[in-house]
C-alpha atoms as a PDB file:
ATOM      1  CA  MET A   1       4.580  35.704   6.195  1.00  0.00           C
ATOM      2  CA  PRO A   2       1.211  36.946   5.577  1.00  0.00           C
ATOM      3  CA  GLY A   3      -1.645  34.705   7.215  1.00  0.00           C
ATOM      4  CA  SER A   4       0.585  32.592   9.225  1.00  0.00           C
ATOM      5  CA  SER A   5       0.329  32.718  12.861  1.00  0.00           C
ATOM      6  CA  GLY A   6       3.975  32.475  14.038  1.00  0.00           C
ATOM      7  CA  SER A   7       6.175  29.408  13.485  1.00  0.00           C
ATOM      8  CA  SER A   8       3.442  26.818  13.487  1.00  0.00           C
ATOM      9  CA  GLY A   9       1.824  28.107  10.383  1.00  0.00           C
ATOM     10  CA  SER A  10       4.774  27.606   8.202  1.00  0.00           C
ATOM     11  CA  THR A  11       5.492  24.391   9.987  1.00  0.00           C
ATOM     12  CA  ASP A  12       1.956  23.192   8.936  1.00  0.00           C
ATOM     13  CA  GLY A  13       2.341  24.638   5.480  1.00  0.00           C
ATOM     14  CA  SER A  14       5.754  22.854   4.859  1.00  0.00           C
ATOM     15  CA  THR A  15       4.027  19.385   6.303  1.00  0.00           C
ATOM     16  CA  LYS A  16       1.295  19.731   3.929  1.00  0.00           C
ATOM     17  CA  ALA A  17       3.544  20.477   0.970  1.00  0.00           C
ATOM     18  CA  MET A  18       5.663  17.437   1.950  1.00  0.00           C
ATOM     19  CA  GLY A  19       2.335  15.328   1.865  1.00  0.00           C
ATOM     20  CA  VAL A  20       1.599  16.711  -1.645  1.00  0.00           C
ATOM     21  CA  LEU A  21       5.077  15.862  -2.641  1.00  0.00           C
ATOM     22  CA  THR A  22       4.791  12.616  -1.390  1.00  0.00           C
ATOM     23  CA  VAL A  23       1.402  11.790  -3.167  1.00  0.00           C
ATOM     24  CA  GLY A  24       2.704  13.206  -6.096  1.00  0.00           C
ATOM     25  CA  GLY A  25       5.779  11.275  -6.066  1.00  0.00           C
ATOM     26  CA  LEU A  26       3.835   7.986  -5.716  1.00  0.00           C
ATOM     27  CA  VAL A  27       1.607   9.158  -8.532  1.00  0.00           C
ATOM     28  CA  VAL A  28       4.951   9.803 -10.757  1.00  0.00           C
ATOM     29  CA  VAL A  29       6.697   6.285  -9.705  1.00  0.00           C
ATOM     30  CA  THR A  30       3.838   4.230 -10.212  1.00  0.00           C
ATOM     31  CA  ALA A  31       3.093   5.750 -13.833  1.00  0.00           C
ATOM     32  CA  TYR A  32       6.932   5.107 -14.467  1.00  0.00           C
ATOM     33  CA  THR A  33       6.509   1.503 -13.390  1.00  0.00           C
ATOM     34  CA  VAL A  34       3.548   0.796 -15.307  1.00  0.00           C
ATOM     35  CA  ALA A  35       5.003   2.627 -18.486  1.00  0.00           C
ATOM     36  CA  LEU A  36       8.483   1.685 -18.542  1.00  0.00           C
ATOM     37  CA  GLY A  37       8.979  -1.393 -15.673  1.00  0.00           C
ATOM     38  CA  SER A  38       9.846  -1.169 -12.221  1.00  0.00           C
ATOM     39  CA  ASN A  39      13.000   0.689 -10.966  1.00  0.00           C
ATOM     40  CA  GLY A  40      13.830  -0.087  -7.144  1.00  0.00           C
ATOM     41  CA  TRP A  41      15.720   3.031  -6.877  1.00  0.00           C
ATOM     42  CA  LEU A  42      12.502   5.094  -7.647  1.00  0.00           C
ATOM     43  CA  TRP A  43      10.554   3.033  -4.987  1.00  0.00           C
ATOM     44  CA  PHE A  44      13.473   3.478  -2.465  1.00  0.00           C
ATOM     45  CA  GLY A  45      13.436   7.018  -2.744  1.00  0.00           C
ATOM     46  CA  TRP A  46       9.627   7.173  -2.486  1.00  0.00           C
ATOM     47  CA  VAL A  47       9.679   5.049   0.888  1.00  0.00           C
ATOM     48  CA  VAL A  48      12.570   7.580   2.072  1.00  0.00           C
ATOM     49  CA  LEU A  49      10.450  10.682   1.132  1.00  0.00           C
ATOM     50  CA  GLY A  50       7.323   8.875   2.988  1.00  0.00           C
ATOM     51  CA  LEU A  51       9.002   8.343   6.261  1.00  0.00           C
ATOM     52  CA  ILE A  52      10.558  11.665   6.329  1.00  0.00           C
ATOM     53  CA  THR A  53       6.755  13.126   5.622  1.00  0.00           C
ATOM     54  CA  LEU A  54       5.659  10.833   8.557  1.00  0.00           C
ATOM     55  CA  GLY A  55       8.420  12.029  10.781  1.00  0.00           C
ATOM     56  CA  MET A  56       7.051  15.703  10.110  1.00  0.00           C
ATOM     57  CA  VAL A  57       3.773  14.776  10.697  1.00  0.00           C
ATOM     58  CA  ALA A  58       4.760  13.020  14.071  1.00  0.00           C
ATOM     59  CA  SER A  59       6.850  15.877  15.086  1.00  0.00           C
ATOM     60  CA  ARG A  60       4.302  18.761  14.423  1.00  0.00           C
ATOM     61  CA  SER A  61       1.546  16.831  16.361  1.00  0.00           C
ATOM     62  CA  THR A  62       3.768  16.963  19.568  1.00  0.00           C
END
């Protein structure tokens, strides 16, 4: 991959992408909740996505 320095460059990129996806998911779930009412499965999915993202960040820093 151009511009990356070994595997750590792609790991940083995927972690950043997961962070963006998590924040974007929060915006979408919040907008859905405001417009159509709360859906527990959407919030559960967002929490799982957030935990996966935190796990990726924690594994990257070690």
